[in-house]
Full PDB file with SEQRES, HELIX, SHEET, SSBOND, CRYST1, ORIGX, SCALE, CONECT and MASTER records, all heavy atoms in Angstrom:
SEQRES   1 A   37  GLU ASP ARG GLN THR GLU LEU GLU PRO LEU ALA VAL LYS          
SEQRES   2 A   37  ILE GLN GLY GLN LEU GLN ASP MET GLU GLU HIS PHE LYS          
SEQRES   3 A   37  PRO LEU THR GLU ASN VAL LYS GLU ASN VAL ASN                  
HELIX    1 AA1 ASP A    2  VAL A   36  1                                  35    
CRYST1    1.000    1.000    1.000  90.00  90.00  90.00 P 1           1          
ORIGX1      1.000000  0.000000  0.000000        0.00000                         
ORIGX2      0.000000  1.000000  0.000000        0.00000                         
ORIGX3      0.000000  0.000000  1.000000        0.00000                         
SCALE1      1.000000  0.000000  0.000000        0.00000                         
SCALE2      0.000000  1.000000  0.000000        0.00000                         
SCALE3      0.000000  0.000000  1.000000        0.00000                         
ATOM      1  N   GLU A   1      44.918  10.302 -32.899  1.00  0.00           N  
ATOM      2  CA  GLU A   1      46.301  10.155 -32.423  1.00  0.00           C  
ATOM      3  C   GLU A   1      46.691   8.684 -32.304  1.00  0.00           C  
ATOM      4  O   GLU A   1      47.806   8.293 -32.675  1.00  0.00           O  
ATOM      5  CB  GLU A   1      46.470  10.860 -31.081  1.00  0.00           C  
ATOM      6  CG  GLU A   1      46.442  12.365 -31.184  1.00  0.00           C  
ATOM      7  CD  GLU A   1      46.417  13.062 -29.823  1.00  0.00           C  
ATOM      8  OE1 GLU A   1      46.449  12.357 -28.788  1.00  0.00           O  
ATOM      9  OE2 GLU A   1      46.353  14.300 -29.807  1.00  0.00           O  
ATOM     10  N   ASP A   2      45.777   7.851 -31.792  1.00  0.00           N  
ATOM     11  CA  ASP A   2      46.062   6.415 -31.667  1.00  0.00           C  
ATOM     12  C   ASP A   2      46.311   5.793 -33.029  1.00  0.00           C  
ATOM     13  O   ASP A   2      47.245   5.001 -33.209  1.00  0.00           O  
ATOM     14  CB  ASP A   2      44.910   5.691 -30.967  1.00  0.00           C  
ATOM     15  CG  ASP A   2      44.804   6.040 -29.492  1.00  0.00           C  
ATOM     16  OD1 ASP A   2      45.759   6.646 -28.956  1.00  0.00           O  
ATOM     17  OD2 ASP A   2      43.760   5.720 -28.886  1.00  0.00           O  
ATOM     18  N   ARG A   3      45.458   6.122 -33.986  1.00  0.00           N  
ATOM     19  CA  ARG A   3      45.619   5.550 -35.336  1.00  0.00           C  
ATOM     20  C   ARG A   3      46.915   6.041 -35.970  1.00  0.00           C  
ATOM     21  O   ARG A   3      47.608   5.300 -36.653  1.00  0.00           O  
ATOM     22  CB  ARG A   3      44.428   5.898 -36.234  1.00  0.00           C  
ATOM     23  CG  ARG A   3      43.096   5.326 -35.794  1.00  0.00           C  
ATOM     24  CD  ARG A   3      43.150   3.794 -35.572  1.00  0.00           C  
ATOM     25  NE  ARG A   3      42.084   3.365 -34.702  1.00  0.00           N  
ATOM     26  CZ  ARG A   3      42.215   3.035 -33.436  1.00  0.00           C  
ATOM     27  NH1 ARG A   3      43.389   3.054 -32.856  1.00  0.00           N  
ATOM     28  NH2 ARG A   3      41.191   2.656 -32.712  1.00  0.00           N  
ATOM     29  N   GLN A   4      47.239   7.302 -35.753  1.00  0.00           N  
ATOM     30  CA  GLN A   4      48.474   7.851 -36.298  1.00  0.00           C  
ATOM     31  C   GLN A   4      49.673   7.134 -35.693  1.00  0.00           C  
ATOM     32  O   GLN A   4      50.613   6.770 -36.403  1.00  0.00           O  
ATOM     33  CB  GLN A   4      48.548   9.358 -36.020  1.00  0.00           C  
ATOM     34  CG  GLN A   4      49.748  10.030 -36.650  1.00  0.00           C  
ATOM     35  CD  GLN A   4      49.735  11.532 -36.427  1.00  0.00           C  
ATOM     36  OE1 GLN A   4      48.846  12.071 -35.773  1.00  0.00           O  
ATOM     37  NE2 GLN A   4      50.728  12.204 -36.955  1.00  0.00           N  
ATOM     38  N   THR A   5      49.625   6.898 -34.390  1.00  0.00           N  
ATOM     39  CA  THR A   5      50.707   6.191 -33.711  1.00  0.00           C  
ATOM     40  C   THR A   5      50.846   4.767 -34.245  1.00  0.00           C  
ATOM     41  O   THR A   5      51.958   4.268 -34.434  1.00  0.00           O  
ATOM     42  CB  THR A   5      50.442   6.156 -32.193  1.00  0.00           C  
ATOM     43  OG1 THR A   5      50.297   7.493 -31.723  1.00  0.00           O  
ATOM     44  CG2 THR A   5      51.565   5.484 -31.455  1.00  0.00           C  
ATOM     45  N   GLU A   6      49.719   4.127 -34.521  1.00  0.00           N  
ATOM     46  CA  GLU A   6      49.750   2.763 -35.050  1.00  0.00           C  
ATOM     47  C   GLU A   6      50.265   2.730 -36.485  1.00  0.00           C  
ATOM     48  O   GLU A   6      50.956   1.790 -36.883  1.00  0.00           O  
ATOM     49  CB  GLU A   6      48.354   2.145 -35.019  1.00  0.00           C  
ATOM     50  CG  GLU A   6      47.843   1.830 -33.631  1.00  0.00           C  
ATOM     51  CD  GLU A   6      46.406   1.329 -33.640  1.00  0.00           C  
ATOM     52  OE1 GLU A   6      45.861   1.078 -34.736  1.00  0.00           O  
ATOM     53  OE2 GLU A   6      45.829   1.190 -32.555  1.00  0.00           O  
ATOM     54  N   LEU A   7      49.920   3.724 -37.284  1.00  0.00           N  
ATOM     55  CA  LEU A   7      50.231   3.683 -38.716  1.00  0.00           C  
ATOM     56  C   LEU A   7      51.604   4.243 -39.074  1.00  0.00           C  
ATOM     57  O   LEU A   7      52.132   3.911 -40.137  1.00  0.00           O  
ATOM     58  CB  LEU A   7      49.145   4.429 -39.503  1.00  0.00           C  
ATOM     59  CG  LEU A   7      47.765   3.777 -39.470  1.00  0.00           C  
ATOM     60  CD1 LEU A   7      46.757   4.639 -40.197  1.00  0.00           C  
ATOM     61  CD2 LEU A   7      47.801   2.381 -40.071  1.00  0.00           C  
ATOM     62  N   GLU A   8      52.178   5.078 -38.226  1.00  0.00           N  
ATOM     63  CA  GLU A   8      53.485   5.654 -38.547  1.00  0.00           C  
ATOM     64  C   GLU A   8      54.558   4.590 -38.753  1.00  0.00           C  
ATOM     65  O   GLU A   8      55.306   4.659 -39.740  1.00  0.00           O  
ATOM     66  CB  GLU A   8      53.902   6.666 -37.479  1.00  0.00           C  
ATOM     67  CG  GLU A   8      53.260   8.008 -37.670  1.00  0.00           C  
ATOM     68  CD  GLU A   8      53.654   9.008 -36.588  1.00  0.00           C  
ATOM     69  OE1 GLU A   8      54.320   8.629 -35.601  1.00  0.00           O  
ATOM     70  OE2 GLU A   8      53.261  10.182 -36.744  1.00  0.00           O  
ATOM     71  N   PRO A   9      54.692   3.581 -37.876  1.00  0.00           N  
ATOM     72  CA  PRO A   9      55.709   2.553 -38.131  1.00  0.00           C  
ATOM     73  C   PRO A   9      55.447   1.794 -39.444  1.00  0.00           C  
ATOM     74  O   PRO A   9      56.383   1.455 -40.169  1.00  0.00           O  
ATOM     75  CB  PRO A   9      55.582   1.602 -36.936  1.00  0.00           C  
ATOM     76  CG  PRO A   9      54.919   2.386 -35.868  1.00  0.00           C  
ATOM     77  CD  PRO A   9      54.048   3.373 -36.582  1.00  0.00           C  
ATOM     78  N   LEU A  10      54.194   1.562 -39.730  1.00  0.00           N  
ATOM     79  CA  LEU A  10      53.853   0.884 -40.987  1.00  0.00           C  
ATOM     80  C   LEU A  10      54.253   1.740 -42.181  1.00  0.00           C  
ATOM     81  O   LEU A  10      54.797   1.225 -43.171  1.00  0.00           O  
ATOM     82  CB  LEU A  10      52.351   0.579 -41.020  1.00  0.00           C  
ATOM     83  CG  LEU A  10      51.835  -0.160 -42.248  1.00  0.00           C  
ATOM     84  CD1 LEU A  10      52.510  -1.527 -42.374  1.00  0.00           C  
ATOM     85  CD2 LEU A  10      50.320  -0.314 -42.168  1.00  0.00           C  
ATOM     86  N   ALA A  11      54.033   3.032 -42.097  1.00  0.00           N  
ATOM     87  CA  ALA A  11      54.404   3.934 -43.185  1.00  0.00           C  
ATOM     88  C   ALA A  11      55.918   3.944 -43.385  1.00  0.00           C  
ATOM     89  O   ALA A  11      56.407   3.925 -44.515  1.00  0.00           O  
ATOM     90  CB  ALA A  11      53.895   5.345 -42.910  1.00  0.00           C  
ATOM     91  N   VAL A  12      56.670   3.956 -42.287  1.00  0.00           N  
ATOM     92  CA  VAL A  12      58.131   3.929 -42.375  1.00  0.00           C  
ATOM     93  C   VAL A  12      58.589   2.617 -43.015  1.00  0.00           C  
ATOM     94  O   VAL A  12      59.481   2.603 -43.866  1.00  0.00           O  
ATOM     95  CB  VAL A  12      58.759   4.124 -40.976  1.00  0.00           C  
ATOM     96  CG1 VAL A  12      60.252   3.845 -40.990  1.00  0.00           C  
ATOM     97  CG2 VAL A  12      58.467   5.528 -40.471  1.00  0.00           C  
ATOM     98  N   LYS A  13      57.959   1.520 -42.633  1.00  0.00           N  
ATOM     99  CA  LYS A  13      58.304   0.207 -43.183  1.00  0.00           C  
ATOM    100  C   LYS A  13      58.032   0.162 -44.691  1.00  0.00           C  
ATOM    101  O   LYS A  13      58.869  -0.303 -45.468  1.00  0.00           O  
ATOM    102  CB  LYS A  13      57.508  -0.884 -42.466  1.00  0.00           C  
ATOM    103  CG  LYS A  13      57.826  -2.283 -42.918  1.00  0.00           C  
ATOM    104  CD  LYS A  13      57.011  -3.299 -42.141  1.00  0.00           C  
ATOM    105  CE  LYS A  13      57.271  -4.711 -42.637  1.00  0.00           C  
ATOM    106  NZ  LYS A  13      56.450  -5.699 -41.931  1.00  0.00           N  
ATOM    107  N   ILE A  14      56.880   0.657 -45.093  1.00  0.00           N  
ATOM    108  CA  ILE A  14      56.528   0.661 -46.526  1.00  0.00           C  
ATOM    109  C   ILE A  14      57.488   1.551 -47.295  1.00  0.00           C  
ATOM    110  O   ILE A  14      57.933   1.198 -48.397  1.00  0.00           O  
ATOM    111  CB  ILE A  14      55.065   1.118 -46.709  1.00  0.00           C  
ATOM    112  CG1 ILE A  14      54.123   0.048 -46.179  1.00  0.00           C  
ATOM    113  CG2 ILE A  14      54.762   1.418 -48.168  1.00  0.00           C  
ATOM    114  CD1 ILE A  14      52.668   0.450 -46.130  1.00  0.00           C  
ATOM    115  N   GLN A  15      57.838   2.706 -46.741  1.00  0.00           N  
ATOM    116  CA  GLN A  15      58.768   3.600 -47.406  1.00  0.00           C  
ATOM    117  C   GLN A  15      60.125   2.922 -47.591  1.00  0.00           C  
ATOM    118  O   GLN A  15      60.745   3.013 -48.650  1.00  0.00           O  
ATOM    119  CB  GLN A  15      58.918   4.890 -46.604  1.00  0.00           C  
ATOM    120  CG  GLN A  15      59.721   5.952 -47.308  1.00  0.00           C  
ATOM    121  CD  GLN A  15      59.750   7.252 -46.516  1.00  0.00           C  
ATOM    122  OE1 GLN A  15      59.405   7.278 -45.336  1.00  0.00           O  
ATOM    123  NE2 GLN A  15      60.166   8.320 -47.161  1.00  0.00           N  
ATOM    124  N   GLY A  16      60.577   2.209 -46.575  1.00  0.00           N  
ATOM    125  CA  GLY A  16      61.852   1.477 -46.685  1.00  0.00           C  
ATOM    126  C   GLY A  16      61.780   0.397 -47.747  1.00  0.00           C  
ATOM    127  O   GLY A  16      62.723   0.209 -48.528  1.00  0.00           O  
ATOM    128  N   GLN A  17      60.658  -0.319 -47.816  1.00  0.00           N  
ATOM    129  CA  GLN A  17      60.496  -1.354 -48.840  1.00  0.00           C  
ATOM    130  C   GLN A  17      60.492  -0.756 -50.239  1.00  0.00           C  
ATOM    131  O   GLN A  17      61.068  -1.324 -51.176  1.00  0.00           O  
ATOM    132  CB  GLN A  17      59.217  -2.146 -48.601  1.00  0.00           C  
ATOM    133  CG  GLN A  17      59.277  -3.039 -47.382  1.00  0.00           C  
ATOM    134  CD  GLN A  17      57.951  -3.712 -47.074  1.00  0.00           C  
ATOM    135  OE1 GLN A  17      56.907  -3.340 -47.599  1.00  0.00           O  
ATOM    136  NE2 GLN A  17      57.998  -4.722 -46.209  1.00  0.00           N  
ATOM    137  N   LEU A  18      59.879   0.396 -50.388  1.00  0.00           N  
ATOM    138  CA  LEU A  18      59.870   1.052 -51.692  1.00  0.00           C  
ATOM    139  C   LEU A  18      61.277   1.483 -52.104  1.00  0.00           C  
ATOM    140  O   LEU A  18      61.654   1.369 -53.274  1.00  0.00           O  
ATOM    141  CB  LEU A  18      58.923   2.260 -51.680  1.00  0.00           C  
ATOM    142  CG  LEU A  18      57.432   1.942 -51.622  1.00  0.00           C  
ATOM    143  CD1 LEU A  18      56.623   3.217 -51.455  1.00  0.00           C  
ATOM    144  CD2 LEU A  18      56.986   1.205 -52.877  1.00  0.00           C  
ATOM    145  N   GLN A  19      62.048   1.974 -51.153  1.00  0.00           N  
ATOM    146  CA  GLN A  19      63.429   2.356 -51.457  1.00  0.00           C  
ATOM    147  C   GLN A  19      64.250   1.133 -51.843  1.00  0.00           C  
ATOM    148  O   GLN A  19      65.068   1.185 -52.771  1.00  0.00           O  
ATOM    149  CB  GLN A  19      64.056   3.080 -50.264  1.00  0.00           C  
ATOM    150  CG  GLN A  19      63.507   4.482 -50.072  1.00  0.00           C  
ATOM    151  CD  GLN A  19      64.024   5.141 -48.812  1.00  0.00           C  
ATOM    152  OE1 GLN A  19      64.592   4.489 -47.927  1.00  0.00           O  
ATOM    153  NE2 GLN A  19      63.815   6.447 -48.700  1.00  0.00           N  
ATOM    154  N   ASP A  20      64.039   0.021 -51.134  1.00  0.00           N  
ATOM    155  CA  ASP A  20      64.733  -1.215 -51.480  1.00  0.00           C  
ATOM    156  C   ASP A  20      64.370  -1.671 -52.894  1.00  0.00           C  
ATOM    157  O   ASP A  20      65.234  -2.093 -53.665  1.00  0.00           O  
ATOM    158  CB  ASP A  20      64.400  -2.331 -50.483  1.00  0.00           C  
ATOM    159  CG  ASP A  20      64.992  -2.090 -49.101  1.00  0.00           C  
ATOM    160  OD1 ASP A  20      65.900  -1.223 -48.986  1.00  0.00           O  
ATOM    161  OD2 ASP A  20      64.557  -2.762 -48.153  1.00  0.00           O  
ATOM    162  N   MET A  21      63.092  -1.583 -53.213  1.00  0.00           N  
ATOM    163  CA  MET A  21      62.652  -1.983 -54.548  1.00  0.00           C  
ATOM    164  C   MET A  21      63.277  -1.083 -55.612  1.00  0.00           C  
ATOM    165  O   MET A  21      63.712  -1.561 -56.665  1.00  0.00           O  
ATOM    166  CB  MET A  21      61.119  -1.912 -54.653  1.00  0.00           C  
ATOM    167  CG  MET A  21      60.409  -2.999 -53.872  1.00  0.00           C  
ATOM    168  SD  MET A  21      58.625  -2.809 -53.852  1.00  0.00           S  
ATOM    169  CE  MET A  21      58.208  -2.925 -55.557  1.00  0.00           C  
ATOM    170  N   GLU A  22      63.358   0.213 -55.325  1.00  0.00           N  
ATOM    171  CA  GLU A  22      63.960   1.145 -56.284  1.00  0.00           C  
ATOM    172  C   GLU A  22      65.433   0.792 -56.504  1.00  0.00           C  
ATOM    173  O   GLU A  22      65.908   0.764 -57.636  1.00  0.00           O  
ATOM    174  CB  GLU A  22      63.821   2.574 -55.771  1.00  0.00           C  
ATOM    175  CG  GLU A  22      64.400   3.601 -56.714  1.00  0.00           C  
ATOM    176  CD  GLU A  22      64.310   5.016 -56.175  1.00  0.00           C  
ATOM    177  OE1 GLU A  22      63.947   5.195 -54.993  1.00  0.00           O  
ATOM    178  OE2 GLU A  22      64.612   5.937 -56.944  1.00  0.00           O  
ATOM    179  N   GLU A  23      66.120   0.515 -55.409  1.00  0.00           N  
ATOM    180  CA  GLU A  23      67.536   0.146 -55.516  1.00  0.00           C  
ATOM    181  C   GLU A  23      67.702  -1.166 -56.284  1.00  0.00           C  
ATOM    182  O   GLU A  23      68.676  -1.355 -56.999  1.00  0.00           O  
ATOM    183  CB  GLU A  23      68.153   0.036 -54.126  1.00  0.00           C  
ATOM    184  CG  GLU A  23      68.291   1.363 -53.413  1.00  0.00           C  
ATOM    185  CD  GLU A  23      68.741   1.226 -51.967  1.00  0.00           C  
ATOM    186  OE1 GLU A  23      69.101   0.102 -51.550  1.00  0.00           O  
ATOM    187  OE2 GLU A  23      68.723   2.245 -51.253  1.00  0.00           O  
ATOM    188  N   HIS A  24      66.759  -2.066 -56.141  1.00  0.00           N  
ATOM    189  CA  HIS A  24      66.820  -3.354 -56.828  1.00  0.00           C  
ATOM    190  C   HIS A  24      66.522  -3.191 -58.328  1.00  0.00           C  
ATOM    191  O   HIS A  24      67.169  -3.813 -59.173  1.00  0.00           O  
ATOM    192  CB  HIS A  24      65.823  -4.323 -56.192  1.00  0.00           C  
ATOM    193  CG  HIS A  24      65.770  -5.657 -56.848  1.00  0.00           C  
ATOM    194  ND1 HIS A  24      66.785  -6.582 -56.737  1.00  0.00           N  
ATOM    195  CD2 HIS A  24      64.832  -6.230 -57.641  1.00  0.00           C  
ATOM    196  CE1 HIS A  24      66.471  -7.664 -57.427  1.00  0.00           C  
ATOM    197  NE2 HIS A  24      65.278  -7.469 -57.985  1.00  0.00           N  
ATOM    198  N   PHE A  25      65.547  -2.369 -58.642  1.00  0.00           N  
ATOM    199  CA  PHE A  25      65.127  -2.227 -60.036  1.00  0.00           C  
ATOM    200  C   PHE A  25      66.000  -1.273 -60.845  1.00  0.00           C  
ATOM    201  O   PHE A  25      66.052  -1.364 -62.070  1.00  0.00           O  
ATOM    202  CB  PHE A  25      63.665  -1.756 -60.126  1.00  0.00           C  
ATOM    203  CG  PHE A  25      62.680  -2.840 -59.852  1.00  0.00           C  
ATOM    204  CD1 PHE A  25      61.839  -2.783 -58.752  1.00  0.00           C  
ATOM    205  CD2 PHE A  25      62.586  -3.944 -60.702  1.00  0.00           C  
ATOM    206  CE1 PHE A  25      60.934  -3.785 -58.495  1.00  0.00           C  
ATOM    207  CE2 PHE A  25      61.686  -4.949 -60.448  1.00  0.00           C  
ATOM    208  CZ  PHE A  25      60.848  -4.877 -59.347  1.00  0.00           C  
ATOM    209  N   LYS A  26      66.684  -0.378 -60.191  1.00  0.00           N  
ATOM    210  CA  LYS A  26      67.495   0.598 -60.910  1.00  0.00           C  
ATOM    211  C   LYS A  26      68.562  -0.080 -61.781  1.00  0.00           C  
ATOM    212  O   LYS A  26      68.661   0.241 -62.969  1.00  0.00           O  
ATOM    213  CB  LYS A  26      68.135   1.575 -59.919  1.00  0.00           C  
ATOM    214  CG  LYS A  26      68.536   2.884 -60.532  1.00  0.00           C  
ATOM    215  CD  LYS A  26      68.887   3.874 -59.439  1.00  0.00           C  
ATOM    216  CE  LYS A  26      68.916   5.263 -60.038  1.00  0.00           C  
ATOM    217  NZ  LYS A  26      69.138   6.279 -59.028  1.00  0.00           N  
ATOM    218  N   PRO A  27      69.348  -1.031 -61.260  1.00  0.00           N  
ATOM    219  CA  PRO A  27      70.328  -1.705 -62.129  1.00  0.00           C  
ATOM    220  C   PRO A  27      69.646  -2.489 -63.258  1.00  0.00           C  
ATOM    221  O   PRO A  27      70.162  -2.561 -64.378  1.00  0.00           O  
ATOM    222  CB  PRO A  27      71.083  -2.653 -61.188  1.00  0.00           C  
ATOM    223  CG  PRO A  27      70.774  -2.215 -59.819  1.00  0.00           C  
ATOM    224  CD  PRO A  27      69.502  -1.461 -59.871  1.00  0.00           C  
ATOM    225  N   LEU A  28      68.484  -3.069 -62.956  1.00  0.00           N  
ATOM    226  CA  LEU A  28      67.781  -3.818 -63.989  1.00  0.00           C  
ATOM    227  C   LEU A  28      67.341  -2.907 -65.131  1.00  0.00           C  
ATOM    228  O   LEU A  28      67.468  -3.261 -66.308  1.00  0.00           O  
ATOM    229  CB  LEU A  28      66.562  -4.532 -63.396  1.00  0.00           C  
ATOM    230  CG  LEU A  28      66.848  -5.672 -62.422  1.00  0.00           C  
ATOM    231  CD1 LEU A  28      65.552  -6.172 -61.802  1.00  0.00           C  
ATOM    232  CD2 LEU A  28      67.564  -6.805 -63.131  1.00  0.00           C  
ATOM    233  N   THR A  29      66.840  -1.742 -64.788  1.00  0.00           N  
ATOM    234  CA  THR A  29      66.403  -0.822 -65.845  1.00  0.00           C  
ATOM    235  C   THR A  29      67.586  -0.315 -66.656  1.00  0.00           C  
ATOM    236  O   THR A  29      67.479  -0.150 -67.874  1.00  0.00           O  
ATOM    237  CB  THR A  29      65.622   0.376 -65.257  1.00  0.00           C  
ATOM    238  OG1 THR A  29      66.417   1.036 -64.282  1.00  0.00           O  
ATOM    239  CG2 THR A  29      64.320  -0.069 -64.645  1.00  0.00           C  
ATOM    240  N   GLU A  30      68.701  -0.076 -65.994  1.00  0.00           N  
ATOM    241  CA  GLU A  30      69.902   0.350 -66.719  1.00  0.00           C  
ATOM    242  C   GLU A  30      70.353  -0.753 -67.683  1.00  0.00           C  
ATOM    243  O   GLU A  30      70.730  -0.483 -68.821  1.00  0.00           O  
ATOM    244  CB  GLU A  30      71.028   0.710 -65.741  1.00  0.00           C  
ATOM    245  CG  GLU A  30      70.757   1.937 -64.906  1.00  0.00           C  
ATOM    246  CD  GLU A  30      70.606   3.193 -65.743  1.00  0.00           C  
ATOM    247  OE1 GLU A  30      71.322   3.335 -66.766  1.00  0.00           O  
ATOM    248  OE2 GLU A  30      69.753   4.028 -65.375  1.00  0.00           O  
ATOM    249  N   ASN A  31      70.287  -1.993 -67.219  1.00  0.00           N  
ATOM    250  CA  ASN A  31      70.674  -3.131 -68.053  1.00  0.00           C  
ATOM    251  C   ASN A  31      69.743  -3.243 -69.264  1.00  0.00           C  
ATOM    252  O   ASN A  31      70.183  -3.493 -70.380  1.00  0.00           O  
ATOM    253  CB  ASN A  31      70.655  -4.415 -67.217  1.00  0.00           C  
ATOM    254  CG  ASN A  31      71.244  -5.591 -67.957  1.00  0.00           C  
ATOM    255  OD1 ASN A  31      71.948  -5.429 -68.937  1.00  0.00           O  
ATOM    256  ND2 ASN A  31      70.933  -6.792 -67.482  1.00  0.00           N  
ATOM    257  N   VAL A  32      68.462  -3.066 -69.039  1.00  0.00           N  
ATOM    258  CA  VAL A  32      67.496  -3.141 -70.140  1.00  0.00           C  
ATOM    259  C   VAL A  32      67.760  -2.022 -71.135  1.00  0.00           C  
ATOM    260  O   VAL A  32      67.739  -2.243 -72.349  1.00  0.00           O  
ATOM    261  CB  VAL A  32      66.042  -3.067 -69.595  1.00  0.00           C  
ATOM    262  CG1 VAL A  32      65.042  -2.868 -70.711  1.00  0.00           C  
ATOM    263  CG2 VAL A  32      65.712  -4.333 -68.816  1.00  0.00           C  
ATOM    264  N   LYS A  33      68.041  -0.822 -70.638  1.00  0.00           N  
ATOM    265  CA  LYS A  33      68.352   0.298 -71.531  1.00  0.00           C  
ATOM    266  C   LYS A  33      69.572  -0.024 -72.394  1.00  0.00           C  
ATOM    267  O   LYS A  33      69.582   0.243 -73.600  1.00  0.00           O  
ATOM    268  CB  LYS A  33      68.630   1.574 -70.735  1.00  0.00           C  
ATOM    269  CG  LYS A  33      67.417   2.284 -70.251  1.00  0.00           C  
ATOM    270  CD  LYS A  33      67.843   3.562 -69.529  1.00  0.00           C  
ATOM    271  CE  LYS A  33      66.697   4.256 -68.874  1.00  0.00           C  
ATOM    272  NZ  LYS A  33      67.116   5.453 -68.132  1.00  0.00           N  
ATOM    273  N   GLU A  34      70.612  -0.574 -71.760  1.00  0.00           N  
ATOM    274  CA  GLU A  34      71.836  -0.897 -72.501  1.00  0.00           C  
ATOM    275  C   GLU A  34      71.572  -1.925 -73.592  1.00  0.00           C  
ATOM    276  O   GLU A  34      72.163  -1.868 -74.670  1.00  0.00           O  
ATOM    277  CB  GLU A  34      72.914  -1.414 -71.535  1.00  0.00           C  
ATOM    278  CG  GLU A  34      73.466  -0.366 -70.602  1.00  0.00           C  
ATOM    279  CD  GLU A  34      74.395  -0.943 -69.547  1.00  0.00           C  
ATOM    280  OE1 GLU A  34      74.718  -2.155 -69.602  1.00  0.00           O  
ATOM    281  OE2 GLU A  34      74.788  -0.189 -68.639  1.00  0.00           O  
ATOM    282  N   ASN A  35      70.691  -2.892 -73.323  1.00  0.00           N  
ATOM    283  CA  ASN A  35      70.393  -3.926 -74.307  1.00  0.00           C  
ATOM    284  C   ASN A  35      69.406  -3.455 -75.374  1.00  0.00           C  
ATOM    285  O   ASN A  35      69.492  -3.893 -76.526  1.00  0.00           O  
ATOM    286  CB  ASN A  35      69.842  -5.175 -73.623  1.00  0.00           C  
ATOM    287  CG  ASN A  35      70.891  -5.880 -72.797  1.00  0.00           C  
ATOM    288  OD1 ASN A  35      72.085  -5.807 -73.096  1.00  0.00           O  
ATOM    289  ND2 ASN A  35      70.472  -6.543 -71.735  1.00  0.00           N  
ATOM    290  N   VAL A  36      68.490  -2.610 -75.006  1.00  0.00           N  
ATOM    291  CA  VAL A  36      67.440  -2.201 -75.932  1.00  0.00           C  
ATOM    292  C   VAL A  36      67.902  -1.070 -76.847  1.00  0.00           C  
ATOM    293  O   VAL A  36      67.522  -1.030 -78.027  1.00  0.00           O  
ATOM    294  CB  VAL A  36      66.170  -1.793 -75.147  1.00  0.00           C  
ATOM    295  CG1 VAL A  36      65.136  -1.161 -76.043  1.00  0.00           C  
ATOM    296  CG2 VAL A  36      65.577  -3.019 -74.465  1.00  0.00           C  
ATOM    297  N   ASN A  37      68.720  -0.161 -76.358  1.00  0.00           N  
ATOM    298  CA  ASN A  37      69.147   0.981 -77.172  1.00  0.00           C  
ATOM    299  C   ASN A  37      69.834   0.556 -78.478  1.00  0.00           C  
ATOM    300  O   ASN A  37      69.507   1.102 -79.528  1.00  0.00           O  
ATOM    301  CB  ASN A  37      70.037   1.924 -76.363  1.00  0.00           C  
ATOM    302  CG  ASN A  37      69.224   2.780 -75.412  1.00  0.00           C  
ATOM    303  OD1 ASN A  37      68.028   2.943 -75.574  1.00  0.00           O  
ATOM    304  ND2 ASN A  37      69.882   3.336 -74.398  1.00  0.00           N  
TER     305      ASN A  37                                                      
MASTER        0    0    0    1    0    0    0    6  304    1    0    3          
END                                                                             
């Protein structure tokens, strides 16, 4: 329980960072598709 309590905020933080990265890379991938197609 202690470890779970310690790791849950870290998991939420990592999940948020991954969502931010997805939002950042999505326009880039669309741009690459438009140029490469």
